[in-house]
Amino acid sequence: MGTAVVLIILIAIVGVIIKSMIRDKKNGKSISCGGDCKNCGGHCH
């Protein structure tokens, strides 16, 4: 019974994280980039 409760909680947490990532992607935010290009060492420049 305890294992099932923990599993349900973990599934809920992962669902919230994925939903947040999808919402950020739709709003133009990148998962891999913080949007601070002047301090970015990546492909922003």
N, C-alpha and C. Protein backbone atom coordinates (compact mmCIF):
# COMPACT_ATOMS: atom_id res chain seq x y z
N MET A 1 0.82 -1.19 0.00
CA MET A 1 0.00 0.00 0.00
C MET A 1 0.87 1.26 0.00
N GLY A 2 1.92 1.26 0.82
CA GLY A 2 2.82 2.42 0.88
C GLY A 2 3.54 2.65 -0.43
N THR A 3 3.91 1.57 -1.09
CA THR A 3 4.60 1.67 -2.38
C THR A 3 3.70 2.33 -3.42
N ALA A 4 2.43 1.97 -3.41
CA ALA A 4 1.48 2.55 -4.37
C ALA A 4 1.32 4.05 -4.13
N VAL A 5 1.29 4.45 -2.88
CA VAL A 5 1.16 5.88 -2.56
C VAL A 5 2.38 6.65 -3.04
N VAL A 6 3.55 6.11 -2.80
CA VAL A 6 4.79 6.76 -3.25
C VAL A 6 4.82 6.83 -4.77
N LEU A 7 4.40 5.78 -5.44
CA LEU A 7 4.36 5.77 -6.90
C LEU A 7 3.41 6.83 -7.44
N ILE A 8 2.25 6.97 -6.85
CA ILE A 8 1.28 7.98 -7.29
C ILE A 8 1.84 9.38 -7.08
N ILE A 9 2.51 9.61 -5.95
CA ILE A 9 3.11 10.92 -5.69
C ILE A 9 4.21 11.23 -6.70
N LEU A 10 5.05 10.25 -7.00
CA LEU A 10 6.13 10.46 -7.99
C LEU A 10 5.57 10.74 -9.38
N ILE A 11 4.53 10.02 -9.77
CA ILE A 11 3.91 10.25 -11.07
C ILE A 11 3.33 11.65 -11.13
N ALA A 12 2.71 12.10 -10.05
CA ALA A 12 2.15 13.45 -10.01
C ALA A 12 3.25 14.50 -10.13
N ILE A 13 4.35 14.32 -9.43
CA ILE A 13 5.46 15.28 -9.49
C ILE A 13 6.05 15.34 -10.89
N VAL A 14 6.28 14.19 -11.51
CA VAL A 14 6.82 14.15 -12.87
C VAL A 14 5.85 14.81 -13.84
N GLY A 15 4.55 14.59 -13.66
CA GLY A 15 3.55 15.22 -14.51
C GLY A 15 3.58 16.73 -14.41
N VAL A 16 3.73 17.25 -13.21
CA VAL A 16 3.80 18.71 -13.02
C VAL A 16 5.06 19.27 -13.67
N ILE A 17 6.18 18.56 -13.54
CA ILE A 17 7.43 19.02 -14.16
C ILE A 17 7.30 19.04 -15.68
N ILE A 18 6.74 18.00 -16.25
CA ILE A 18 6.59 17.94 -17.71
C ILE A 18 5.64 19.03 -18.19
N LYS A 19 4.55 19.25 -17.46
CA LYS A 19 3.60 20.30 -17.83
C LYS A 19 4.27 21.66 -17.80
N SER A 20 5.12 21.90 -16.80
CA SER A 20 5.84 23.17 -16.70
C SER A 20 6.81 23.34 -17.86
N MET A 21 7.50 22.26 -18.23
CA MET A 21 8.44 22.32 -19.36
C MET A 21 7.72 22.62 -20.66
N ILE A 22 6.56 22.02 -20.86
CA ILE A 22 5.77 22.26 -22.08
C ILE A 22 5.29 23.70 -22.11
N ARG A 23 4.83 24.20 -20.97
CA ARG A 23 4.35 25.59 -20.90
C ARG A 23 5.49 26.56 -21.18
N ASP A 24 6.67 26.30 -20.63
CA ASP A 24 7.82 27.16 -20.88
C ASP A 24 8.21 27.14 -22.36
N LYS A 25 8.17 25.97 -22.97
CA LYS A 25 8.51 25.83 -24.40
C LYS A 25 7.53 26.64 -25.25
N LYS A 26 6.24 26.59 -24.92
CA LYS A 26 5.24 27.34 -25.67
C LYS A 26 5.41 28.84 -25.49
N ASN A 27 5.95 29.27 -24.35
CA ASN A 27 6.17 30.68 -24.08
C ASN A 27 7.52 31.17 -24.62
N GLY A 28 8.25 30.30 -25.31
CA GLY A 28 9.50 30.69 -25.95
C GLY A 28 10.73 30.50 -25.08
N LYS A 29 10.56 29.96 -23.91
CA LYS A 29 11.72 29.70 -23.06
C LYS A 29 12.31 28.36 -23.42
N SER A 30 13.62 28.32 -23.46
CA SER A 30 14.30 27.08 -23.79
C SER A 30 14.64 26.32 -22.52
N ILE A 31 14.61 25.02 -22.59
CA ILE A 31 14.95 24.18 -21.45
C ILE A 31 16.45 24.25 -21.18
N SER A 32 17.25 24.38 -22.24
CA SER A 32 18.70 24.32 -22.10
C SER A 32 19.35 25.69 -21.97
N CYS A 33 18.61 26.76 -22.20
CA CYS A 33 19.19 28.10 -22.17
C CYS A 33 18.38 28.98 -21.23
N GLY A 34 19.06 29.73 -20.39
CA GLY A 34 18.39 30.61 -19.45
C GLY A 34 17.96 31.93 -20.06
N GLY A 35 18.33 32.19 -21.31
CA GLY A 35 17.95 33.41 -21.99
C GLY A 35 18.86 34.60 -21.70
N ASP A 36 19.91 34.40 -20.93
CA ASP A 36 20.85 35.46 -20.60
C ASP A 36 22.05 35.34 -21.53
N CYS A 37 21.88 35.79 -22.76
CA CYS A 37 22.88 35.53 -23.80
C CYS A 37 24.22 36.22 -23.56
N LYS A 38 24.22 37.36 -22.87
CA LYS A 38 25.49 38.06 -22.67
C LYS A 38 26.41 37.27 -21.73
N ASN A 39 25.85 36.40 -20.89
CA ASN A 39 26.65 35.58 -20.00
C ASN A 39 26.69 34.12 -20.43
N CYS A 40 26.24 33.87 -21.63
CA CYS A 40 26.15 32.49 -22.14
C CYS A 40 27.39 32.13 -22.93
N GLY A 41 27.93 30.98 -22.69
CA GLY A 41 29.09 30.52 -23.44
C GLY A 41 28.68 29.63 -24.60
N GLY A 42 27.41 29.50 -24.83
CA GLY A 42 26.89 28.58 -25.85
C GLY A 42 26.68 29.24 -27.19
N HIS A 43 25.66 28.82 -27.87
CA HIS A 43 25.39 29.20 -29.26
C HIS A 43 24.67 30.54 -29.40
N CYS A 44 24.39 31.24 -28.32
CA CYS A 44 23.64 32.51 -28.39
C CYS A 44 24.42 33.59 -29.13
N HIS A 45 25.72 33.59 -28.99
CA HIS A 45 26.52 34.68 -29.56
C HIS A 45 26.53 34.56 -31.01
